[in-house]
Amino acid sequence: MTNFYKKRLLVVTLICLSNFGFSQSNEIKIRFIGNAGLNLTDGKTNIYVDFPYKSGAHNYMEYNQSELDSIKDNSVFLFTHRHSDHYSKKLLRKFSGKKYGNWNTDELKNLNDSIQGFSIEAFKTSHKFTFKHYSYLITWHNKKIFISGDTENSETLASQTAIDWAFIPAWLTTDARDKGIKLGAISKMYAIYHIGPNDKITNDKKDPQIKLLDKQGEIITIPY
C-alpha cells in the first residue's frame, strides 16, 4: 500500500472514531448531590436544581466543600422553593449564572431561547409551610424530566404524559397510591430523592421503574 493510500485510510479511520465518540456523548447526565439537589448536564450546559442548599439543614444530607468548588461558571440554578434544605441565598451569591426560583418563574421562558433543544414549564404546587412552591417539567433533547420538589400532592405529576425520568420524594408515591393514581403509566423511570439519614425507604418489590437516590454522587444517564 502506498503512503498516499495509507494516509487516506488513516484519515477515514480518525473521522469514523470521531463520529463514534460524538454519538456516544449524546446523553444527559444527572448527578445526585443530596436532598433534592441535582446537577444536570449535556456536556455543554450545567443546570443545578435545589443546590446549593445549607448542608445538614433540618437533619437532612450534608455535603463536602468540593461540591461547591466544582460548580461551573455561568451555570443555571433552579429552585423549587426556599427552605434551607433546598436553597441557600448566602451560598448562591458566590456563583455567577442565571438563577430561577419562586421569585421569578415568569423569566424561565428566557431559558427556552438560550439553551439548545431545551424548554421548561413551571407548575405551582403545594407544600407545607410555604406559599410558593414550584415543580418543573424540563424537556431537553426531546427527553422529559419532571422535578417535583417537596410537594405532597401528586395531581400535577398525574397530569403529565410520556415522562422519561421523574424525581419525586417517597411521600408523593404514598399520595398517588391513596388517590388511585398509577405512576407506572406516567413516567418510564422514577428517582426517589430527599431521603433523610434516618428515613427507612426501601424498594422491597424490586420495582425496575424505581431508583432510590440514597447515595450521594450517583449518576443517571439519559441517552438521546
Protein backbone atom coordinates (compact mmCIF):
# COMPACT_ATOMS: atom_id res chain seq x y z
CA MET A 1 0.00 0.00 0.00
CA THR A 2 1.40 3.40 -0.98
CA ASN A 3 1.92 6.20 1.53
CA PHE A 4 -0.91 8.13 -0.16
CA TYR A 5 -3.48 5.40 0.48
CA LYS A 6 -2.17 4.78 3.98
CA LYS A 7 -2.78 8.45 4.79
CA ARG A 8 -6.27 8.32 3.26
CA LEU A 9 -7.09 5.22 5.33
CA LEU A 10 -5.82 6.92 8.49
CA VAL A 11 -7.96 10.00 7.84
CA VAL A 12 -11.09 7.89 7.26
CA THR A 13 -10.39 5.89 10.43
CA LEU A 14 -9.99 9.05 12.50
CA ILE A 15 -13.21 10.51 11.13
CA CYS A 16 -15.12 7.31 11.98
CA LEU A 17 -13.70 7.24 15.51
CA SER A 18 -14.50 10.89 15.97
CA ASN A 19 -18.10 10.42 14.88
CA PHE A 20 -18.45 7.35 17.09
CA GLY A 21 -17.18 9.28 20.10
CA PHE A 22 -19.59 12.12 19.41
CA SER A 23 -22.56 9.79 19.18
CA GLN A 24 -21.57 8.15 22.45
CA SER A 25 -21.58 11.51 24.25
CA ASN A 26 -25.18 12.28 23.31
CA GLU A 27 -26.62 11.93 26.78
CA ILE A 28 -27.93 13.96 29.66
CA LYS A 29 -26.11 13.17 32.89
CA ILE A 30 -27.89 13.78 36.18
CA ARG A 31 -25.74 13.60 39.29
CA PHE A 32 -27.35 13.36 42.71
CA ILE A 33 -25.77 15.84 45.15
CA GLY A 34 -28.01 15.42 48.18
CA ASN A 35 -31.60 16.00 49.37
CA ALA A 36 -33.31 17.23 46.17
CA GLY A 37 -30.06 18.65 44.81
CA LEU A 38 -29.19 17.61 41.27
CA ASN A 39 -26.68 18.57 38.59
CA LEU A 40 -27.97 18.10 35.05
CA THR A 41 -25.63 18.47 32.08
CA ASP A 42 -25.49 17.59 28.39
CA GLY A 43 -21.80 18.41 28.29
CA LYS A 44 -22.43 22.00 27.22
CA THR A 45 -24.84 23.43 29.80
CA ASN A 46 -24.90 22.80 33.54
CA ILE A 47 -28.14 23.09 35.49
CA TYR A 48 -28.24 22.82 39.27
CA VAL A 49 -31.60 22.04 40.86
CA ASP A 50 -32.18 22.85 44.55
CA PHE A 51 -28.47 23.39 45.08
CA PRO A 52 -26.63 24.96 46.79
CA TYR A 53 -28.56 24.39 49.99
CA LYS A 54 -27.48 24.65 53.62
CA SER A 55 -25.52 21.49 54.34
CA GLY A 56 -27.22 19.37 57.02
CA ALA A 57 -30.29 21.62 57.30
CA HIS A 58 -33.24 20.02 59.13
CA ASN A 59 -31.08 16.92 59.76
CA TYR A 60 -31.00 16.07 56.06
CA MET A 61 -27.92 15.36 53.96
CA GLU A 62 -24.61 17.13 54.40
CA TYR A 63 -22.15 17.53 51.53
CA ASN A 64 -18.45 18.24 51.11
CA GLN A 65 -16.98 21.63 50.23
CA SER A 66 -15.80 20.04 46.99
CA GLU A 67 -19.41 20.12 45.73
CA LEU A 68 -19.36 23.91 45.88
CA ASP A 69 -15.86 24.12 44.46
CA SER A 70 -16.89 22.05 41.42
CA ILE A 71 -19.78 24.30 40.35
CA LYS A 72 -19.12 25.54 36.83
CA ASP A 73 -19.13 29.24 35.96
CA ASN A 74 -22.27 30.58 34.30
CA SER A 75 -24.39 27.61 35.33
CA VAL A 76 -28.16 27.72 35.62
CA PHE A 77 -29.60 27.46 39.13
CA LEU A 78 -33.21 26.33 39.57
CA PHE A 79 -35.05 26.10 42.89
CA THR A 80 -38.42 24.60 43.78
CA HIS A 81 -38.68 26.72 46.94
CA ARG A 82 -36.52 28.46 49.52
CA HIS A 83 -36.47 26.11 52.50
CA SER A 84 -32.88 25.82 53.72
CA ASP A 85 -32.55 22.12 52.84
CA HIS A 86 -33.14 23.18 49.21
CA TYR A 87 -31.73 26.70 49.00
CA SER A 88 -29.10 28.98 50.48
CA LYS A 89 -29.14 32.64 49.49
CA LYS A 90 -25.77 33.15 51.17
CA LEU A 91 -24.08 30.40 49.16
CA LEU A 92 -25.86 31.23 45.91
CA ARG A 93 -24.42 34.75 45.97
CA LYS A 94 -20.95 33.30 45.39
CA PHE A 95 -21.78 31.99 41.94
CA SER A 96 -22.34 33.60 38.57
CA GLY A 97 -25.07 32.36 36.31
CA LYS A 98 -28.80 32.51 35.78
CA LYS A 99 -30.87 31.96 38.93
CA TYR A 100 -34.53 31.00 39.00
CA GLY A 101 -36.98 30.09 41.72
CA ASN A 102 -40.31 31.02 43.22
CA TRP A 103 -39.38 34.69 42.93
CA ASN A 104 -39.07 34.87 39.11
CA THR A 105 -40.66 31.86 37.39
CA ASP A 106 -42.07 34.21 34.74
CA GLU A 107 -38.49 34.68 33.49
CA LEU A 108 -37.92 30.96 32.88
CA LYS A 109 -39.05 31.40 29.28
CA ASN A 110 -35.65 33.05 28.64
CA LEU A 111 -34.01 29.64 29.05
CA ASN A 112 -36.02 28.23 26.15
CA ASP A 113 -34.13 30.51 23.77
CA SER A 114 -30.70 30.38 25.40
CA ILE A 115 -30.24 26.60 25.76
CA GLN A 116 -30.25 24.39 22.68
CA GLY A 117 -33.08 21.86 22.49
CA PHE A 118 -34.47 22.97 25.84
CA SER A 119 -37.80 24.06 27.29
CA ILE A 120 -39.14 24.29 30.82
CA GLU A 121 -42.60 24.61 32.33
CA ALA A 122 -43.30 25.64 35.93
CA PHE A 123 -46.26 24.38 37.96
CA LYS A 124 -47.29 25.97 41.23
CA THR A 125 -47.67 23.06 43.64
CA SER A 126 -48.48 22.82 47.32
CA HIS A 127 -46.02 22.27 50.14
CA LYS A 128 -46.42 22.82 53.86
CA PHE A 129 -45.01 25.98 55.41
CA THR A 130 -44.53 27.83 52.12
CA PHE A 131 -46.96 29.66 49.85
CA LYS A 132 -44.69 29.49 46.83
CA HIS A 133 -43.52 26.07 45.77
CA TYR A 134 -42.97 25.02 42.15
CA SER A 135 -42.49 21.76 40.31
CA TYR A 136 -40.91 21.75 36.87
CA LEU A 137 -41.14 19.82 33.64
CA ILE A 138 -37.90 20.05 31.68
CA THR A 139 -37.82 18.92 28.05
CA TRP A 140 -34.23 18.67 26.87
CA HIS A 141 -33.09 17.00 23.66
CA ASN A 142 -36.62 15.57 23.41
CA LYS A 143 -36.34 13.91 26.83
CA LYS A 144 -38.83 14.81 29.55
CA ILE A 145 -37.61 15.21 33.13
CA PHE A 146 -40.06 16.04 35.91
CA ILE A 147 -38.78 17.70 39.09
CA SER A 148 -41.38 17.58 41.86
CA GLY A 149 -39.52 19.18 44.77
CA ASP A 150 -41.28 18.78 48.11
CA THR A 151 -44.90 18.86 47.03
CA GLU A 152 -47.18 16.43 48.84
CA ASN A 153 -49.85 16.25 46.13
CA SER A 154 -49.47 14.00 43.10
CA GLU A 155 -52.12 15.58 40.85
CA THR A 156 -49.65 17.71 38.88
CA LEU A 157 -47.47 14.70 38.18
CA ALA A 158 -50.55 12.68 37.23
CA SER A 159 -51.45 15.29 34.60
CA GLN A 160 -48.22 14.61 32.67
CA THR A 161 -47.57 12.01 29.98
CA ALA A 162 -44.56 10.23 28.48
CA ILE A 163 -42.03 11.37 31.08
CA ASP A 164 -38.60 9.76 30.85
CA TRP A 165 -37.48 10.40 34.45
CA ALA A 166 -39.44 11.81 37.38
CA PHE A 167 -37.67 12.93 40.55
CA ILE A 168 -40.04 12.66 43.48
CA PRO A 169 -39.96 12.17 47.27
CA ALA A 170 -41.31 8.97 48.78
CA TRP A 171 -44.35 10.71 50.24
CA LEU A 172 -45.57 11.55 46.73
CA THR A 173 -45.79 7.83 45.92
CA THR A 174 -47.92 7.37 49.03
CA ASP A 175 -50.24 10.19 47.98
CA ALA A 176 -50.57 8.73 44.49
CA ARG A 177 -51.39 5.28 45.88
CA ASP A 178 -54.03 6.69 48.21
CA LYS A 179 -55.66 8.52 45.30
CA GLY A 180 -55.54 5.56 42.95
CA ILE A 181 -53.04 7.23 40.62
CA LYS A 182 -50.95 4.68 38.71
CA LEU A 183 -47.50 6.20 38.49
CA GLY A 184 -46.16 3.45 36.25
CA ALA A 185 -48.17 4.76 33.33
CA ILE A 186 -46.88 8.34 33.69
CA SER A 187 -43.09 8.01 33.69
CA LYS A 188 -40.67 5.38 32.40
CA MET A 189 -38.46 5.77 35.49
CA TYR A 190 -38.73 7.27 38.96
CA ALA A 191 -35.90 8.50 41.14
CA ILE A 192 -36.90 8.71 44.80
CA TYR A 193 -34.90 11.53 46.36
CA HIS A 194 -34.80 13.65 49.52
CA ILE A 195 -34.26 10.57 51.67
CA GLY A 196 -33.09 11.59 55.13
CA PRO A 197 -30.32 9.75 57.01
CA ASN A 198 -32.89 8.30 59.39
CA ASP A 199 -35.57 7.51 56.81
CA LYS A 200 -36.34 3.85 56.16
CA ILE A 201 -37.17 3.93 52.45
CA THR A 202 -36.87 0.66 50.53
CA ASN A 203 -37.82 -0.81 47.18
CA ASP A 204 -38.94 -4.13 48.61
CA LYS A 205 -40.77 -5.16 45.44
CA LYS A 206 -37.62 -4.54 43.35
CA ASP A 207 -39.65 -2.37 41.01
CA PRO A 208 -37.43 -1.81 37.92
CA GLN A 209 -39.03 1.60 37.38
CA ILE A 210 -37.78 2.90 40.73
CA LYS A 211 -34.29 4.02 41.70
CA LEU A 212 -33.61 5.12 45.26
CA LEU A 213 -31.24 8.08 45.43
CA ASP A 214 -29.79 7.40 48.85
CA LYS A 215 -26.10 7.54 47.86
CA GLN A 216 -24.63 10.93 47.08
CA GLY A 217 -22.75 11.14 43.80
CA GLU A 218 -24.92 8.61 41.93
CA ILE A 219 -25.31 9.36 38.23
CA ILE A 220 -28.30 8.76 35.99
CA THR A 221 -27.71 8.92 32.24
CA ILE A 222 -30.39 9.61 29.63
CA PRO A 223 -29.19 8.90 26.06
CA TYR A 224 -30.69 10.99 23.30
